[in-house]
Amino acid sequence: MTYRLKLYITGRTPHSIRAIENLRAICTSQFHEEDYDIEVIDILENPQLAEDEKILATPTLVKRLPTPIRKIIGDLSDREKVLLGLDLVETARTEKGGQE
């Protein structure tokens, strides 16, 4: 299963850079390299893409595949929230020692 992720940012701000770094760290710890695809979209350069996706705030992570589509807003520093948004809750529970 390949995860298709789009991260919408506004320029190279510290907030945007932190979101990119957090997303990459989560993906490298959770997936094999061939199991995910990250596309970073700067809405200053591509405003139409953000409009098409109905992005109202940045940074916003959109999980396109596997379905259902999910959106996570923020710098992705809340690891558990990101794992929940990516439907990887079981992984988060395992990391905490298997407790629910």
N, C-alpha and C. Protein backbone atom coordinates (compact mmCIF):
# COMPACT_ATOMS: atom_id res chain seq x y z
N MET A 1 0.85 -1.17 0.00
CA MET A 1 0.00 0.00 0.00
C MET A 1 0.90 1.24 0.00
N THR A 2 0.66 2.15 -0.94
CA THR A 2 1.43 3.37 -1.03
C THR A 2 0.61 4.54 -0.49
N TYR A 3 1.22 5.31 0.39
CA TYR A 3 0.59 6.52 0.91
C TYR A 3 0.97 7.68 0.02
N ARG A 4 -0.05 8.39 -0.48
CA ARG A 4 0.16 9.59 -1.29
C ARG A 4 -0.18 10.80 -0.42
N LEU A 5 0.85 11.57 -0.13
CA LEU A 5 0.71 12.69 0.80
C LEU A 5 1.06 13.99 0.10
N LYS A 6 0.22 15.00 0.29
CA LYS A 6 0.49 16.33 -0.24
C LYS A 6 0.54 17.28 0.95
N LEU A 7 1.65 18.00 1.04
CA LEU A 7 1.81 18.97 2.11
C LEU A 7 1.78 20.37 1.51
N TYR A 8 0.76 21.13 1.88
CA TYR A 8 0.61 22.49 1.39
C TYR A 8 1.25 23.45 2.39
N ILE A 9 2.15 24.30 1.90
CA ILE A 9 2.86 25.26 2.74
C ILE A 9 2.74 26.65 2.11
N THR A 10 3.13 27.66 2.88
CA THR A 10 3.15 29.04 2.38
C THR A 10 4.58 29.55 2.51
N GLY A 11 5.36 29.42 1.46
CA GLY A 11 6.74 29.90 1.48
C GLY A 11 7.65 29.04 2.35
N ARG A 12 8.89 29.49 2.49
CA ARG A 12 9.90 28.76 3.28
C ARG A 12 10.01 29.34 4.68
N THR A 13 8.89 29.43 5.37
CA THR A 13 8.87 29.96 6.73
C THR A 13 9.33 28.89 7.71
N PRO A 14 9.74 29.28 8.92
CA PRO A 14 10.12 28.28 9.92
C PRO A 14 9.00 27.26 10.18
N HIS A 15 7.75 27.73 10.18
CA HIS A 15 6.60 26.84 10.40
C HIS A 15 6.50 25.81 9.27
N SER A 16 6.68 26.25 8.04
CA SER A 16 6.62 25.35 6.88
C SER A 16 7.77 24.35 6.91
N ILE A 17 8.96 24.82 7.19
CA ILE A 17 10.13 23.93 7.24
C ILE A 17 9.97 22.89 8.33
N ARG A 18 9.44 23.30 9.49
CA ARG A 18 9.21 22.36 10.58
C ARG A 18 8.19 21.29 10.17
N ALA A 19 7.14 21.68 9.45
CA ALA A 19 6.14 20.72 8.99
C ALA A 19 6.76 19.70 8.03
N ILE A 20 7.60 20.18 7.11
CA ILE A 20 8.27 19.27 6.17
C ILE A 20 9.17 18.29 6.93
N GLU A 21 9.96 18.81 7.85
CA GLU A 21 10.87 17.95 8.62
C GLU A 21 10.10 16.94 9.46
N ASN A 22 9.02 17.38 10.12
CA ASN A 22 8.22 16.47 10.94
C ASN A 22 7.59 15.38 10.08
N LEU A 23 7.06 15.75 8.92
CA LEU A 23 6.44 14.75 8.04
C LEU A 23 7.47 13.74 7.56
N ARG A 24 8.61 14.20 7.14
CA ARG A 24 9.65 13.28 6.67
C ARG A 24 10.11 12.35 7.79
N ALA A 25 10.25 12.86 9.00
CA ALA A 25 10.67 12.03 10.14
C ALA A 25 9.63 10.96 10.44
N ILE A 26 8.36 11.33 10.41
CA ILE A 26 7.29 10.36 10.66
C ILE A 26 7.28 9.29 9.57
N CYS A 27 7.37 9.71 8.32
CA CYS A 27 7.32 8.76 7.20
C CYS A 27 8.51 7.80 7.23
N THR A 28 9.71 8.31 7.49
CA THR A 28 10.87 7.41 7.49
C THR A 28 10.83 6.44 8.65
N SER A 29 10.16 6.82 9.75
CA SER A 29 10.08 5.90 10.89
C SER A 29 8.93 4.91 10.76
N GLN A 30 7.94 5.20 9.91
CA GLN A 30 6.75 4.36 9.81
C GLN A 30 6.69 3.52 8.54
N PHE A 31 7.37 3.95 7.49
CA PHE A 31 7.23 3.31 6.19
C PHE A 31 8.58 2.96 5.60
N HIS A 32 8.56 2.03 4.66
CA HIS A 32 9.70 1.83 3.78
C HIS A 32 9.65 2.94 2.74
N GLU A 33 10.78 3.30 2.20
CA GLU A 33 10.85 4.42 1.26
C GLU A 33 9.89 4.28 0.08
N GLU A 34 9.68 3.06 -0.40
CA GLU A 34 8.81 2.86 -1.56
C GLU A 34 7.32 2.87 -1.20
N ASP A 35 6.99 2.98 0.10
CA ASP A 35 5.60 2.92 0.54
C ASP A 35 4.93 4.27 0.72
N TYR A 36 5.65 5.35 0.42
CA TYR A 36 5.03 6.66 0.54
C TYR A 36 5.60 7.62 -0.50
N ASP A 37 4.77 8.60 -0.83
CA ASP A 37 5.16 9.63 -1.79
C ASP A 37 4.71 10.96 -1.21
N ILE A 38 5.67 11.86 -0.98
CA ILE A 38 5.37 13.18 -0.44
C ILE A 38 5.53 14.22 -1.55
N GLU A 39 4.51 15.04 -1.72
CA GLU A 39 4.58 16.17 -2.63
C GLU A 39 4.39 17.44 -1.80
N VAL A 40 5.36 18.33 -1.82
CA VAL A 40 5.26 19.60 -1.10
C VAL A 40 4.83 20.66 -2.10
N ILE A 41 3.74 21.35 -1.77
CA ILE A 41 3.17 22.35 -2.67
C ILE A 41 3.18 23.70 -1.95
N ASP A 42 3.90 24.64 -2.51
CA ASP A 42 3.94 25.99 -1.98
C ASP A 42 2.80 26.77 -2.63
N ILE A 43 1.83 27.18 -1.81
CA ILE A 43 0.65 27.83 -2.39
C ILE A 43 0.96 29.24 -2.91
N LEU A 44 2.11 29.80 -2.54
CA LEU A 44 2.51 31.08 -3.13
C LEU A 44 2.87 30.90 -4.60
N GLU A 45 3.41 29.72 -4.92
CA GLU A 45 3.79 29.42 -6.30
C GLU A 45 2.66 28.76 -7.09
N ASN A 46 1.78 28.05 -6.40
CA ASN A 46 0.69 27.31 -7.05
C ASN A 46 -0.64 27.54 -6.33
N PRO A 47 -1.14 28.75 -6.34
CA PRO A 47 -2.38 29.03 -5.59
C PRO A 47 -3.59 28.24 -6.09
N GLN A 48 -3.62 27.91 -7.37
CA GLN A 48 -4.77 27.18 -7.90
C GLN A 48 -4.87 25.78 -7.31
N LEU A 49 -3.72 25.13 -7.07
CA LEU A 49 -3.74 23.79 -6.46
C LEU A 49 -4.36 23.84 -5.07
N ALA A 50 -4.03 24.87 -4.31
CA ALA A 50 -4.61 25.01 -2.97
C ALA A 50 -6.11 25.29 -3.06
N GLU A 51 -6.49 26.10 -4.01
CA GLU A 51 -7.92 26.40 -4.18
C GLU A 51 -8.69 25.14 -4.58
N ASP A 52 -8.14 24.36 -5.50
CA ASP A 52 -8.79 23.12 -5.94
C ASP A 52 -8.99 22.15 -4.78
N GLU A 53 -8.03 22.12 -3.86
CA GLU A 53 -8.07 21.20 -2.72
C GLU A 53 -8.82 21.79 -1.53
N LYS A 54 -9.24 23.07 -1.67
CA LYS A 54 -9.95 23.78 -0.61
C LYS A 54 -9.10 23.91 0.66
N ILE A 55 -7.85 24.30 0.46
CA ILE A 55 -6.92 24.51 1.57
C ILE A 55 -7.17 25.90 2.14
N LEU A 56 -7.51 25.96 3.42
CA LEU A 56 -7.82 27.24 4.06
C LEU A 56 -6.71 27.73 4.97
N ALA A 57 -5.83 26.83 5.40
CA ALA A 57 -4.73 27.19 6.30
C ALA A 57 -3.51 26.37 5.92
N THR A 58 -2.35 26.88 6.25
CA THR A 58 -1.12 26.13 5.99
C THR A 58 -0.27 26.13 7.25
N PRO A 59 0.55 25.13 7.42
CA PRO A 59 0.66 23.95 6.58
C PRO A 59 -0.54 23.01 6.76
N THR A 60 -0.91 22.36 5.67
CA THR A 60 -1.96 21.35 5.69
C THR A 60 -1.45 20.11 4.96
N LEU A 61 -1.57 18.97 5.63
CA LEU A 61 -1.21 17.69 5.03
C LEU A 61 -2.49 17.03 4.53
N VAL A 62 -2.48 16.60 3.28
CA VAL A 62 -3.62 15.88 2.71
C VAL A 62 -3.17 14.47 2.36
N LYS A 63 -3.84 13.50 2.96
CA LYS A 63 -3.58 12.09 2.62
C LYS A 63 -4.56 11.72 1.53
N ARG A 64 -4.08 11.55 0.30
CA ARG A 64 -4.93 11.21 -0.84
C ARG A 64 -5.20 9.71 -0.90
N LEU A 65 -4.17 8.93 -0.70
CA LEU A 65 -4.28 7.46 -0.72
C LEU A 65 -3.52 6.90 0.47
N PRO A 66 -3.96 5.83 1.03
CA PRO A 66 -5.22 5.13 0.76
C PRO A 66 -6.41 5.95 1.27
N THR A 67 -7.55 5.67 0.69
CA THR A 67 -8.75 6.37 1.10
C THR A 67 -9.14 5.93 2.50
N PRO A 68 -9.88 6.69 3.24
CA PRO A 68 -10.47 7.97 2.89
C PRO A 68 -9.44 9.10 2.92
N ILE A 69 -9.76 10.17 2.19
CA ILE A 69 -8.92 11.36 2.19
C ILE A 69 -8.99 11.99 3.57
N ARG A 70 -7.82 12.40 4.07
CA ARG A 70 -7.75 13.06 5.38
C ARG A 70 -6.93 14.33 5.26
N LYS A 71 -7.25 15.32 6.10
CA LYS A 71 -6.49 16.56 6.16
C LYS A 71 -6.05 16.80 7.60
N ILE A 72 -4.79 17.20 7.73
CA ILE A 72 -4.24 17.53 9.04
C ILE A 72 -3.62 18.92 8.92
N ILE A 73 -4.05 19.83 9.77
CA ILE A 73 -3.56 21.20 9.73
C ILE A 73 -2.56 21.41 10.86
N GLY A 74 -1.46 22.08 10.55
CA GLY A 74 -0.47 22.42 11.56
C GLY A 74 0.91 21.96 11.15
N ASP A 75 1.88 22.13 12.05
CA ASP A 75 3.27 21.81 11.72
C ASP A 75 3.61 20.33 11.90
N LEU A 76 2.61 19.51 12.21
CA LEU A 76 2.75 18.05 12.31
C LEU A 76 3.65 17.64 13.47
N SER A 77 3.77 18.50 14.48
CA SER A 77 4.60 18.16 15.63
C SER A 77 3.88 17.23 16.60
N ASP A 78 2.55 17.14 16.51
CA ASP A 78 1.79 16.21 17.34
C ASP A 78 1.77 14.86 16.62
N ARG A 79 2.77 14.05 16.91
CA ARG A 79 2.98 12.77 16.22
C ARG A 79 1.74 11.88 16.27
N GLU A 80 1.11 11.79 17.42
CA GLU A 80 -0.05 10.92 17.55
C GLU A 80 -1.21 11.39 16.67
N LYS A 81 -1.41 12.69 16.59
CA LYS A 81 -2.46 13.25 15.73
C LYS A 81 -2.17 12.91 14.26
N VAL A 82 -0.91 13.01 13.87
CA VAL A 82 -0.55 12.69 12.48
C VAL A 82 -0.77 11.20 12.21
N LEU A 83 -0.34 10.35 13.12
CA LEU A 83 -0.53 8.91 12.94
C LEU A 83 -2.02 8.56 12.87
N LEU A 84 -2.82 9.22 13.67
CA LEU A 84 -4.28 9.01 13.62
C LEU A 84 -4.82 9.45 12.26
N GLY A 85 -4.36 10.59 11.77
CA GLY A 85 -4.80 11.09 10.47
C GLY A 85 -4.38 10.21 9.31
N LEU A 86 -3.26 9.52 9.49
CA LEU A 86 -2.78 8.62 8.44
C LEU A 86 -3.32 7.20 8.63
N ASP A 87 -4.20 7.02 9.59
CA ASP A 87 -4.76 5.70 9.93
C ASP A 87 -3.69 4.72 10.38
N LEU A 88 -2.74 5.22 11.18
CA LEU A 88 -1.66 4.38 11.72
C LEU A 88 -1.73 4.33 13.23
N VAL A 89 -2.94 4.35 13.78
CA VAL A 89 -3.12 4.38 15.23
C VAL A 89 -2.51 3.17 15.89
N GLU A 90 -2.61 2.00 15.26
CA GLU A 90 -2.03 0.78 15.84
C GLU A 90 -0.52 0.93 16.02
N THR A 91 0.13 1.59 15.09
CA THR A 91 1.56 1.82 15.19
C THR A 91 1.86 2.70 16.39
N ALA A 92 1.05 3.73 16.61
CA ALA A 92 1.27 4.62 17.74
C ALA A 92 1.08 3.88 19.05
N ARG A 93 0.12 3.00 19.13
CA ARG A 93 -0.11 2.22 20.35
C ARG A 93 1.04 1.26 20.59
N THR A 94 1.56 0.65 19.56
CA THR A 94 2.68 -0.28 19.67
C THR A 94 3.90 0.45 20.23
N GLU A 95 4.14 1.67 19.78
CA GLU A 95 5.28 2.44 20.25
C GLU A 95 5.17 2.77 21.72
N LYS A 96 3.95 2.82 22.25
CA LYS A 96 3.75 3.12 23.65
C LYS A 96 3.69 1.86 24.50
N GLY A 97 4.13 0.76 24.00
CA GLY A 97 4.18 -0.47 24.78
C GLY A 97 2.95 -1.32 24.67
N GLY A 98 2.15 -1.12 23.63
CA GLY A 98 1.01 -1.99 23.38
C GLY A 98 -0.22 -1.64 24.20
N GLN A 99 -0.21 -0.52 24.92
CA GLN A 99 -1.37 -0.16 25.71
C GLN A 99 -2.36 0.61 24.86
N GLU A 100 -3.63 0.39 25.17
CA GLU A 100 -4.67 1.14 24.45
C GLU A 100 -5.23 2.20 25.34
